Amino acid sequence: AVMVRSGRVTATAFHPELTPDVRL
Protein backbone atom coordinates (compact mmCIF):
# COMPACT_ATOMS: atom_id res chain seq x y z
CA ALA A 1 0.00 0.00 0.00
CA VAL A 2 1.44 3.38 -1.01
CA MET A 3 -1.53 5.77 -0.61
CA VAL A 4 -4.01 5.57 2.25
CA ARG A 5 -6.70 7.71 3.83
CA SER A 6 -8.57 7.66 7.10
CA GLY A 7 -11.09 10.43 7.76
CA ARG A 8 -9.26 13.74 7.42
CA VAL A 9 -5.78 12.18 7.16
CA THR A 10 -4.21 11.18 3.83
CA ALA A 11 -0.73 9.75 3.29
CA THR A 12 1.25 8.97 0.14
CA ALA A 13 4.55 7.10 0.07
CA PHE A 14 5.53 8.83 -3.17
CA HIS A 15 6.18 12.47 -4.16
CA PRO A 16 3.21 13.98 -6.06
CA GLU A 17 4.82 17.41 -5.77
CA LEU A 18 7.67 16.34 -8.10
CA THR A 19 5.41 15.95 -11.13
CA PRO A 20 3.43 18.61 -13.03
CA ASP A 21 0.27 16.54 -12.48
CA VAL A 22 -1.73 18.46 -9.86
CA ARG A 23 -4.69 16.08 -9.56
CA LEU A 24 -3.80 14.84 -6.07
mmCIF file of all heavy atoms, coordinates in Angstrom:
data_MODEL
# 
_entry.id   MODEL 
# 
loop_
_atom_site.group_PDB 
_atom_site.id 
_atom_site.type_symbol 
_atom_site.label_atom_id 
_atom_site.label_alt_id 
_atom_site.label_comp_id 
_atom_site.label_asym_id 
_atom_site.label_entity_id 
_atom_site.label_seq_id 
_atom_site.pdbx_PDB_ins_code 
_atom_site.Cartn_x 
_atom_site.Cartn_y 
_atom_site.Cartn_z 
_atom_site.occupancy 
_atom_site.B_iso_or_equiv 
_atom_site.pdbx_formal_charge 
_atom_site.auth_seq_id 
_atom_site.auth_comp_id 
_atom_site.auth_asym_id 
_atom_site.auth_atom_id 
_atom_site.pdbx_PDB_model_num 
ATOM 1   N N   . ALA A 1 1  ? 0.852   -1.195 0.000   1.00 0.00 ? 1  ALA A N   1 
ATOM 2   C CA  . ALA A 1 1  ? 0.000   0.000  0.000   1.00 0.00 ? 1  ALA A CA  1 
ATOM 3   C C   . ALA A 1 1  ? 0.883   1.238  0.000   1.00 0.00 ? 1  ALA A C   1 
ATOM 4   O O   . ALA A 1 1  ? 1.815   1.348  0.806   1.00 0.00 ? 1  ALA A O   1 
ATOM 5   C CB  . ALA A 1 1  ? -0.911  0.001  1.221   1.00 0.00 ? 1  ALA A CB  1 
ATOM 6   N N   . VAL A 1 2  ? 0.597   2.179  -0.909  1.00 0.00 ? 2  VAL A N   1 
ATOM 7   C CA  . VAL A 1 2  ? 1.435   3.377  -1.011  1.00 0.00 ? 2  VAL A CA  1 
ATOM 8   C C   . VAL A 1 2  ? 0.638   4.674  -0.937  1.00 0.00 ? 2  VAL A C   1 
ATOM 9   O O   . VAL A 1 2  ? 1.230   5.763  -0.937  1.00 0.00 ? 2  VAL A O   1 
ATOM 10  C CB  . VAL A 1 2  ? 2.293   3.356  -2.296  1.00 0.00 ? 2  VAL A CB  1 
ATOM 11  C CG1 . VAL A 1 2  ? 3.308   2.220  -2.251  1.00 0.00 ? 2  VAL A CG1 1 
ATOM 12  C CG2 . VAL A 1 2  ? 1.417   3.253  -3.551  1.00 0.00 ? 2  VAL A CG2 1 
ATOM 13  N N   . MET A 1 3  ? -0.697  4.589  -0.876  1.00 0.00 ? 3  MET A N   1 
ATOM 14  C CA  . MET A 1 3  ? -1.527  5.766  -0.611  1.00 0.00 ? 3  MET A CA  1 
ATOM 15  C C   . MET A 1 3  ? -2.729  5.318  0.196   1.00 0.00 ? 3  MET A C   1 
ATOM 16  O O   . MET A 1 3  ? -3.438  4.389  -0.188  1.00 0.00 ? 3  MET A O   1 
ATOM 17  C CB  . MET A 1 3  ? -1.974  6.447  -1.900  1.00 0.00 ? 3  MET A CB  1 
ATOM 18  C CG  . MET A 1 3  ? -2.797  7.707  -1.655  1.00 0.00 ? 3  MET A CG  1 
ATOM 19  S SD  . MET A 1 3  ? -3.156  8.625  -3.180  1.00 0.00 ? 3  MET A SD  1 
ATOM 20  C CE  . MET A 1 3  ? -4.111  9.992  -2.518  1.00 0.00 ? 3  MET A CE  1 
ATOM 21  N N   . VAL A 1 4  ? -2.929  5.960  1.342   1.00 0.00 ? 4  VAL A N   1 
ATOM 22  C CA  . VAL A 1 4  ? -4.009  5.566  2.246   1.00 0.00 ? 4  VAL A CA  1 
ATOM 23  C C   . VAL A 1 4  ? -4.712  6.815  2.771   1.00 0.00 ? 4  VAL A C   1 
ATOM 24  O O   . VAL A 1 4  ? -4.160  7.920  2.756   1.00 0.00 ? 4  VAL A O   1 
ATOM 25  C CB  . VAL A 1 4  ? -3.476  4.735  3.444   1.00 0.00 ? 4  VAL A CB  1 
ATOM 26  C CG1 . VAL A 1 4  ? -2.889  3.405  2.971   1.00 0.00 ? 4  VAL A CG1 1 
ATOM 27  C CG2 . VAL A 1 4  ? -2.442  5.521  4.239   1.00 0.00 ? 4  VAL A CG2 1 
ATOM 28  N N   . ARG A 1 5  ? -5.943  6.602  3.252   1.00 0.00 ? 5  ARG A N   1 
ATOM 29  C CA  . ARG A 1 5  ? -6.698  7.713  3.829   1.00 0.00 ? 5  ARG A CA  1 
ATOM 30  C C   . ARG A 1 5  ? -7.586  7.189  4.950   1.00 0.00 ? 5  ARG A C   1 
ATOM 31  O O   . ARG A 1 5  ? -8.169  6.111  4.850   1.00 0.00 ? 5  ARG A O   1 
ATOM 32  C CB  . ARG A 1 5  ? -7.553  8.391  2.767   1.00 0.00 ? 5  ARG A CB  1 
ATOM 33  C CG  . ARG A 1 5  ? -8.354  9.604  3.301   1.00 0.00 ? 5  ARG A CG  1 
ATOM 34  C CD  . ARG A 1 5  ? -8.974  10.403 2.187   1.00 0.00 ? 5  ARG A CD  1 
ATOM 35  N NE  . ARG A 1 5  ? -9.926  9.595  1.428   1.00 0.00 ? 5  ARG A NE  1 
ATOM 36  C CZ  . ARG A 1 5  ? -10.188 9.763  0.126   1.00 0.00 ? 5  ARG A CZ  1 
ATOM 37  N NH1 . ARG A 1 5  ? -9.568  10.699 -0.555  1.00 0.00 ? 5  ARG A NH1 1 
ATOM 38  N NH2 . ARG A 1 5  ? -11.057 9.001  -0.499  1.00 0.00 ? 5  ARG A NH2 1 
ATOM 39  N N   . SER A 1 6  ? -7.661  7.954  5.995   1.00 0.00 ? 6  SER A N   1 
ATOM 40  C CA  . SER A 1 6  ? -8.565  7.663  7.101   1.00 0.00 ? 6  SER A CA  1 
ATOM 41  C C   . SER A 1 6  ? -9.152  8.979  7.587   1.00 0.00 ? 6  SER A C   1 
ATOM 42  O O   . SER A 1 6  ? -8.436  9.821  8.147   1.00 0.00 ? 6  SER A O   1 
ATOM 43  C CB  . SER A 1 6  ? -7.818  6.963  8.249   1.00 0.00 ? 6  SER A CB  1 
ATOM 44  O OG  . SER A 1 6  ? -8.689  6.707  9.336   1.00 0.00 ? 6  SER A OG  1 
ATOM 45  N N   . GLY A 1 7  ? -10.451 9.174  7.353   1.00 0.00 ? 7  GLY A N   1 
ATOM 46  C CA  . GLY A 1 7  ? -11.086 10.429 7.756   1.00 0.00 ? 7  GLY A CA  1 
ATOM 47  C C   . GLY A 1 7  ? -10.419 11.617 7.104   1.00 0.00 ? 7  GLY A C   1 
ATOM 48  O O   . GLY A 1 7  ? -10.336 11.719 5.871   1.00 0.00 ? 7  GLY A O   1 
ATOM 49  N N   . ARG A 1 8  ? -9.886  12.516 7.913   1.00 0.00 ? 8  ARG A N   1 
ATOM 50  C CA  . ARG A 1 8  ? -9.262  13.741 7.415   1.00 0.00 ? 8  ARG A CA  1 
ATOM 51  C C   . ARG A 1 8  ? -7.740  13.630 7.315   1.00 0.00 ? 8  ARG A C   1 
ATOM 52  O O   . ARG A 1 8  ? -7.040  14.644 7.254   1.00 0.00 ? 8  ARG A O   1 
ATOM 53  C CB  . ARG A 1 8  ? -9.643  14.917 8.328   1.00 0.00 ? 8  ARG A CB  1 
ATOM 54  C CG  . ARG A 1 8  ? -11.100 15.367 8.164   1.00 0.00 ? 8  ARG A CG  1 
ATOM 55  C CD  . ARG A 1 8  ? -11.492 16.460 9.137   1.00 0.00 ? 8  ARG A CD  1 
ATOM 56  N NE  . ARG A 1 8  ? -11.780 15.936 10.468  1.00 0.00 ? 8  ARG A NE  1 
ATOM 57  C CZ  . ARG A 1 8  ? -10.963 15.996 11.500  1.00 0.00 ? 8  ARG A CZ  1 
ATOM 58  N NH1 . ARG A 1 8  ? -9.780  16.582 11.390  1.00 0.00 ? 8  ARG A NH1 1 
ATOM 59  N NH2 . ARG A 1 8  ? -11.302 15.484 12.669  1.00 0.00 ? 8  ARG A NH2 1 
ATOM 60  N N   . VAL A 1 9  ? -7.228  12.397 7.270   1.00 0.00 ? 9  VAL A N   1 
ATOM 61  C CA  . VAL A 1 9  ? -5.776  12.183 7.161   1.00 0.00 ? 9  VAL A CA  1 
ATOM 62  C C   . VAL A 1 9  ? -5.478  11.342 5.923   1.00 0.00 ? 9  VAL A C   1 
ATOM 63  O O   . VAL A 1 9  ? -6.001  10.236 5.764   1.00 0.00 ? 9  VAL A O   1 
ATOM 64  C CB  . VAL A 1 9  ? -5.219  11.480 8.412   1.00 0.00 ? 9  VAL A CB  1 
ATOM 65  C CG1 . VAL A 1 9  ? -3.702  11.280 8.267   1.00 0.00 ? 9  VAL A CG1 1 
ATOM 66  C CG2 . VAL A 1 9  ? -5.524  12.288 9.672   1.00 0.00 ? 9  VAL A CG2 1 
ATOM 67  N N   . THR A 1 10 ? -4.639  11.879 5.042   1.00 0.00 ? 10 THR A N   1 
ATOM 68  C CA  . THR A 1 10 ? -4.209  11.177 3.830   1.00 0.00 ? 10 THR A CA  1 
ATOM 69  C C   . THR A 1 10 ? -2.694  11.060 3.854   1.00 0.00 ? 10 THR A C   1 
ATOM 70  O O   . THR A 1 10 ? -2.002  11.964 4.332   1.00 0.00 ? 10 THR A O   1 
ATOM 71  C CB  . THR A 1 10 ? -4.637  11.947 2.567   1.00 0.00 ? 10 THR A CB  1 
ATOM 72  O OG1 . THR A 1 10 ? -6.063  12.113 2.573   1.00 0.00 ? 10 THR A OG1 1 
ATOM 73  C CG2 . THR A 1 10 ? -4.230  11.219 1.297   1.00 0.00 ? 10 THR A CG2 1 
ATOM 74  N N   . ALA A 1 11 ? -2.181  9.936  3.342   1.00 0.00 ? 11 ALA A N   1 
ATOM 75  C CA  . ALA A 1 11 ? -0.729  9.754  3.286   1.00 0.00 ? 11 ALA A CA  1 
ATOM 76  C C   . ALA A 1 11 ? -0.346  9.072  1.989   1.00 0.00 ? 11 ALA A C   1 
ATOM 77  O O   . ALA A 1 11 ? -0.994  8.112  1.558   1.00 0.00 ? 11 ALA A O   1 
ATOM 78  C CB  . ALA A 1 11 ? -0.247  8.924  4.474   1.00 0.00 ? 11 ALA A CB  1 
ATOM 79  N N   . THR A 1 12 ? 0.707   9.578  1.353   1.00 0.00 ? 12 THR A N   1 
ATOM 80  C CA  . THR A 1 12 ? 1.245   8.969  0.139   1.00 0.00 ? 12 THR A CA  1 
ATOM 81  C C   . THR A 1 12 ? 2.723   8.683  0.360   1.00 0.00 ? 12 THR A C   1 
ATOM 82  O O   . THR A 1 12 ? 3.464   9.533  0.870   1.00 0.00 ? 12 THR A O   1 
ATOM 83  C CB  . THR A 1 12 ? 1.078   9.889  -1.081  1.00 0.00 ? 12 THR A CB  1 
ATOM 84  O OG1 . THR A 1 12 ? 1.592   11.184 -0.788  1.00 0.00 ? 12 THR A OG1 1 
ATOM 85  C CG2 . THR A 1 12 ? -0.366  10.029 -1.466  1.00 0.00 ? 12 THR A CG2 1 
ATOM 86  N N   . ALA A 1 13 ? 3.143   7.475  -0.065  1.00 0.00 ? 13 ALA A N   1 
ATOM 87  C CA  . ALA A 1 13 ? 4.547   7.100  0.074   1.00 0.00 ? 13 ALA A CA  1 
ATOM 88  C C   . ALA A 1 13 ? 5.419   7.777  -0.980  1.00 0.00 ? 13 ALA A C   1 
ATOM 89  O O   . ALA A 1 13 ? 6.622   7.908  -0.814  1.00 0.00 ? 13 ALA A O   1 
ATOM 90  C CB  . ALA A 1 13 ? 4.682   5.580  -0.047  1.00 0.00 ? 13 ALA A CB  1 
ATOM 91  N N   . PHE A 1 14 ? 4.802   8.226  -2.069  1.00 0.00 ? 14 PHE A N   1 
ATOM 92  C CA  . PHE A 1 14 ? 5.530   8.826  -3.173  1.00 0.00 ? 14 PHE A CA  1 
ATOM 93  C C   . PHE A 1 14 ? 5.455   10.354 -3.108  1.00 0.00 ? 14 PHE A C   1 
ATOM 94  O O   . PHE A 1 14 ? 4.889   10.922 -2.177  1.00 0.00 ? 14 PHE A O   1 
ATOM 95  C CB  . PHE A 1 14 ? 5.006   8.293  -4.512  1.00 0.00 ? 14 PHE A CB  1 
ATOM 96  C CG  . PHE A 1 14 ? 3.509   8.381  -4.670  1.00 0.00 ? 14 PHE A CG  1 
ATOM 97  C CD1 . PHE A 1 14 ? 2.913   9.461  -5.287  1.00 0.00 ? 14 PHE A CD1 1 
ATOM 98  C CD2 . PHE A 1 14 ? 2.692   7.366  -4.194  1.00 0.00 ? 14 PHE A CD2 1 
ATOM 99  C CE1 . PHE A 1 14 ? 1.537   9.547  -5.433  1.00 0.00 ? 14 PHE A CE1 1 
ATOM 100 C CE2 . PHE A 1 14 ? 1.311   7.425  -4.345  1.00 0.00 ? 14 PHE A CE2 1 
ATOM 101 C CZ  . PHE A 1 14 ? 0.744   8.523  -4.955  1.00 0.00 ? 14 PHE A CZ  1 
ATOM 102 N N   . HIS A 1 15 ? 6.035   11.005 -4.128  1.00 0.00 ? 15 HIS A N   1 
ATOM 103 C CA  . HIS A 1 15 ? 6.178   12.468 -4.158  1.00 0.00 ? 15 HIS A CA  1 
ATOM 104 C C   . HIS A 1 15 ? 5.309   13.074 -5.261  1.00 0.00 ? 15 HIS A C   1 
ATOM 105 O O   . HIS A 1 15 ? 5.802   13.336 -6.367  1.00 0.00 ? 15 HIS A O   1 
ATOM 106 C CB  . HIS A 1 15 ? 7.630   12.859 -4.412  1.00 0.00 ? 15 HIS A CB  1 
ATOM 107 C CG  . HIS A 1 15 ? 8.557   12.635 -3.276  1.00 0.00 ? 15 HIS A CG  1 
ATOM 108 N ND1 . HIS A 1 15 ? 8.855   13.599 -2.345  1.00 0.00 ? 15 HIS A ND1 1 
ATOM 109 C CD2 . HIS A 1 15 ? 9.266   11.538 -2.924  1.00 0.00 ? 15 HIS A CD2 1 
ATOM 110 C CE1 . HIS A 1 15 ? 9.716   13.115 -1.465  1.00 0.00 ? 15 HIS A CE1 1 
ATOM 111 N NE2 . HIS A 1 15 ? 9.975   11.864 -1.795  1.00 0.00 ? 15 HIS A NE2 1 
ATOM 112 N N   . PRO A 1 16 ? 4.042   13.371 -5.010  1.00 0.00 ? 16 PRO A N   1 
ATOM 113 C CA  . PRO A 1 16 ? 3.212   13.984 -6.059  1.00 0.00 ? 16 PRO A CA  1 
ATOM 114 C C   . PRO A 1 16 ? 3.627   15.413 -6.398  1.00 0.00 ? 16 PRO A C   1 
ATOM 115 O O   . PRO A 1 16 ? 3.265   15.920 -7.467  1.00 0.00 ? 16 PRO A O   1 
ATOM 116 C CB  . PRO A 1 16 ? 1.804   13.944 -5.463  1.00 0.00 ? 16 PRO A CB  1 
ATOM 117 C CG  . PRO A 1 16 ? 2.006   13.855 -3.994  1.00 0.00 ? 16 PRO A CG  1 
ATOM 118 C CD  . PRO A 1 16 ? 3.269   13.085 -3.793  1.00 0.00 ? 16 PRO A CD  1 
ATOM 119 N N   . GLU A 1 17 ? 4.388   16.039 -5.511  1.00 0.00 ? 17 GLU A N   1 
ATOM 120 C CA  . GLU A 1 17 ? 4.818   17.412 -5.767  1.00 0.00 ? 17 GLU A CA  1 
ATOM 121 C C   . GLU A 1 17 ? 5.934   17.491 -6.804  1.00 0.00 ? 17 GLU A C   1 
ATOM 122 O O   . GLU A 1 17 ? 6.259   18.580 -7.292  1.00 0.00 ? 17 GLU A O   1 
ATOM 123 C CB  . GLU A 1 17 ? 5.265   18.084 -4.465  1.00 0.00 ? 17 GLU A CB  1 
ATOM 124 C CG  . GLU A 1 17 ? 6.613   17.667 -3.912  1.00 0.00 ? 17 GLU A CG  1 
ATOM 125 C CD  . GLU A 1 17 ? 6.600   16.332 -3.178  1.00 0.00 ? 17 GLU A CD  1 
ATOM 126 O OE1 . GLU A 1 17 ? 5.564   15.633 -3.187  1.00 0.00 ? 17 GLU A OE1 1 
ATOM 127 O OE2 . GLU A 1 17 ? 7.643   15.988 -2.598  1.00 0.00 ? 17 GLU A OE2 1 
ATOM 128 N N   . LEU A 1 18 ? 6.550   16.347 -7.152  1.00 0.00 ? 18 LEU A N   1 
ATOM 129 C CA  . LEU A 1 18 ? 7.667   16.339 -8.096  1.00 0.00 ? 18 LEU A CA  1 
ATOM 130 C C   . LEU A 1 18 ? 7.238   16.008 -9.523  1.00 0.00 ? 18 LEU A C   1 
ATOM 131 O O   . LEU A 1 18 ? 8.067   15.654 -10.357 1.00 0.00 ? 18 LEU A O   1 
ATOM 132 C CB  . LEU A 1 18 ? 8.737   15.349 -7.627  1.00 0.00 ? 18 LEU A CB  1 
ATOM 133 C CG  . LEU A 1 18 ? 9.357   15.656 -6.260  1.00 0.00 ? 18 LEU A CG  1 
ATOM 134 C CD1 . LEU A 1 18 ? 10.467  14.655 -5.931  1.00 0.00 ? 18 LEU A CD1 1 
ATOM 135 C CD2 . LEU A 1 18 ? 9.897   17.085 -6.197  1.00 0.00 ? 18 LEU A CD2 1 
ATOM 136 N N   . THR A 1 19 ? 5.949   16.137 -9.787  1.00 0.00 ? 19 THR A N   1 
ATOM 137 C CA  . THR A 1 19 ? 5.409   15.954 -11.133 1.00 0.00 ? 19 THR A CA  1 
ATOM 138 C C   . THR A 1 19 ? 4.488   17.132 -11.432 1.00 0.00 ? 19 THR A C   1 
ATOM 139 O O   . THR A 1 19 ? 3.916   17.716 -10.506 1.00 0.00 ? 19 THR A O   1 
ATOM 140 C CB  . THR A 1 19 ? 4.633   14.627 -11.237 1.00 0.00 ? 19 THR A CB  1 
ATOM 141 O OG1 . THR A 1 19 ? 3.906   14.590 -12.462 1.00 0.00 ? 19 THR A OG1 1 
ATOM 142 C CG2 . THR A 1 19 ? 3.645   14.476 -10.098 1.00 0.00 ? 19 THR A CG2 1 
ATOM 143 N N   . PRO A 1 20 ? 4.345   17.511 -12.705 1.00 0.00 ? 20 PRO A N   1 
ATOM 144 C CA  . PRO A 1 20 ? 3.429   18.614 -13.033 1.00 0.00 ? 20 PRO A CA  1 
ATOM 145 C C   . PRO A 1 20 ? 1.956   18.251 -12.882 1.00 0.00 ? 20 PRO A C   1 
ATOM 146 O O   . PRO A 1 20 ? 1.099   19.126 -12.961 1.00 0.00 ? 20 PRO A O   1 
ATOM 147 C CB  . PRO A 1 20 ? 3.770   18.938 -14.488 1.00 0.00 ? 20 PRO A CB  1 
ATOM 148 C CG  . PRO A 1 20 ? 4.394   17.696 -15.033 1.00 0.00 ? 20 PRO A CG  1 
ATOM 149 C CD  . PRO A 1 20 ? 5.119   17.065 -13.890 1.00 0.00 ? 20 PRO A CD  1 
ATOM 150 N N   . ASP A 1 21 ? 1.657   16.992 -12.653 1.00 0.00 ? 21 ASP A N   1 
ATOM 151 C CA  . ASP A 1 21 ? 0.273   16.536 -12.484 1.00 0.00 ? 21 ASP A CA  1 
ATOM 152 C C   . ASP A 1 21 ? -0.237  17.008 -11.119 1.00 0.00 ? 21 ASP A C   1 
ATOM 153 O O   . ASP A 1 21 ? 0.273   16.603 -10.074 1.00 0.00 ? 21 ASP A O   1 
ATOM 154 C CB  . ASP A 1 21 ? 0.230   15.010 -12.568 1.00 0.00 ? 21 ASP A CB  1 
ATOM 155 C CG  . ASP A 1 21 ? -1.189  14.445 -12.643 1.00 0.00 ? 21 ASP A CG  1 
ATOM 156 O OD1 . ASP A 1 21 ? -2.125  15.134 -12.203 1.00 0.00 ? 21 ASP A OD1 1 
ATOM 157 O OD2 . ASP A 1 21 ? -1.340  13.315 -13.121 1.00 0.00 ? 21 ASP A OD2 1 
ATOM 158 N N   . VAL A 1 22 ? -1.240  17.860 -11.116 1.00 0.00 ? 22 VAL A N   1 
ATOM 159 C CA  . VAL A 1 22 ? -1.734  18.461 -9.857  1.00 0.00 ? 22 VAL A CA  1 
ATOM 160 C C   . VAL A 1 22 ? -3.033  17.819 -9.377  1.00 0.00 ? 22 VAL A C   1 
ATOM 161 O O   . VAL A 1 22 ? -3.692  18.347 -8.478  1.00 0.00 ? 22 VAL A O   1 
ATOM 162 C CB  . VAL A 1 22 ? -1.938  19.991 -10.020 1.00 0.00 ? 22 VAL A CB  1 
ATOM 163 C CG1 . VAL A 1 22 ? -0.615  20.681 -10.275 1.00 0.00 ? 22 VAL A CG1 1 
ATOM 164 C CG2 . VAL A 1 22 ? -2.945  20.295 -11.125 1.00 0.00 ? 22 VAL A CG2 1 
ATOM 165 N N   . ARG A 1 23 ? -3.388  16.658 -9.911  1.00 0.00 ? 23 ARG A N   1 
ATOM 166 C CA  . ARG A 1 23 ? -4.693  16.076 -9.564  1.00 0.00 ? 23 ARG A CA  1 
ATOM 167 C C   . ARG A 1 23 ? -4.801  15.688 -8.094  1.00 0.00 ? 23 ARG A C   1 
ATOM 168 O O   . ARG A 1 23 ? -5.869  15.849 -7.491  1.00 0.00 ? 23 ARG A O   1 
ATOM 169 C CB  . ARG A 1 23 ? -4.979  14.874 -10.456 1.00 0.00 ? 23 ARG A CB  1 
ATOM 170 C CG  . ARG A 1 23 ? -5.336  15.254 -11.890 1.00 0.00 ? 23 ARG A CG  1 
ATOM 171 C CD  . ARG A 1 23 ? -5.578  14.005 -12.720 1.00 0.00 ? 23 ARG A CD  1 
ATOM 172 N NE  . ARG A 1 23 ? -4.361  13.216 -12.874 1.00 0.00 ? 23 ARG A NE  1 
ATOM 173 C CZ  . ARG A 1 23 ? -4.335  11.959 -13.292 1.00 0.00 ? 23 ARG A CZ  1 
ATOM 174 N NH1 . ARG A 1 23 ? -5.477  11.332 -13.582 1.00 0.00 ? 23 ARG A NH1 1 
ATOM 175 N NH2 . ARG A 1 23 ? -3.190  11.304 -13.432 1.00 0.00 ? 23 ARG A NH2 1 
ATOM 176 N N   . LEU A 1 24 ? -3.725  15.193 -7.492  1.00 0.00 ? 24 LEU A N   1 
ATOM 177 C CA  . LEU A 1 24 ? -3.804  14.842 -6.073  1.00 0.00 ? 24 LEU A CA  1 
ATOM 178 C C   . LEU A 1 24 ? -3.862  16.089 -5.198  1.00 0.00 ? 24 LEU A C   1 
ATOM 179 O O   . LEU A 1 24 ? -4.533  16.102 -4.161  1.00 0.00 ? 24 LEU A O   1 
ATOM 180 C CB  . LEU A 1 24 ? -2.640  13.942 -5.674  1.00 0.00 ? 24 LEU A CB  1 
ATOM 181 C CG  . LEU A 1 24 ? -2.641  12.546 -6.286  1.00 0.00 ? 24 LEU A CG  1 
ATOM 182 C CD1 . LEU A 1 24 ? -1.506  11.707 -5.701  1.00 0.00 ? 24 LEU A CD1 1 
ATOM 183 C CD2 . LEU A 1 24 ? -3.972  11.845 -6.081  1.00 0.00 ? 24 LEU A CD2 1 
# 
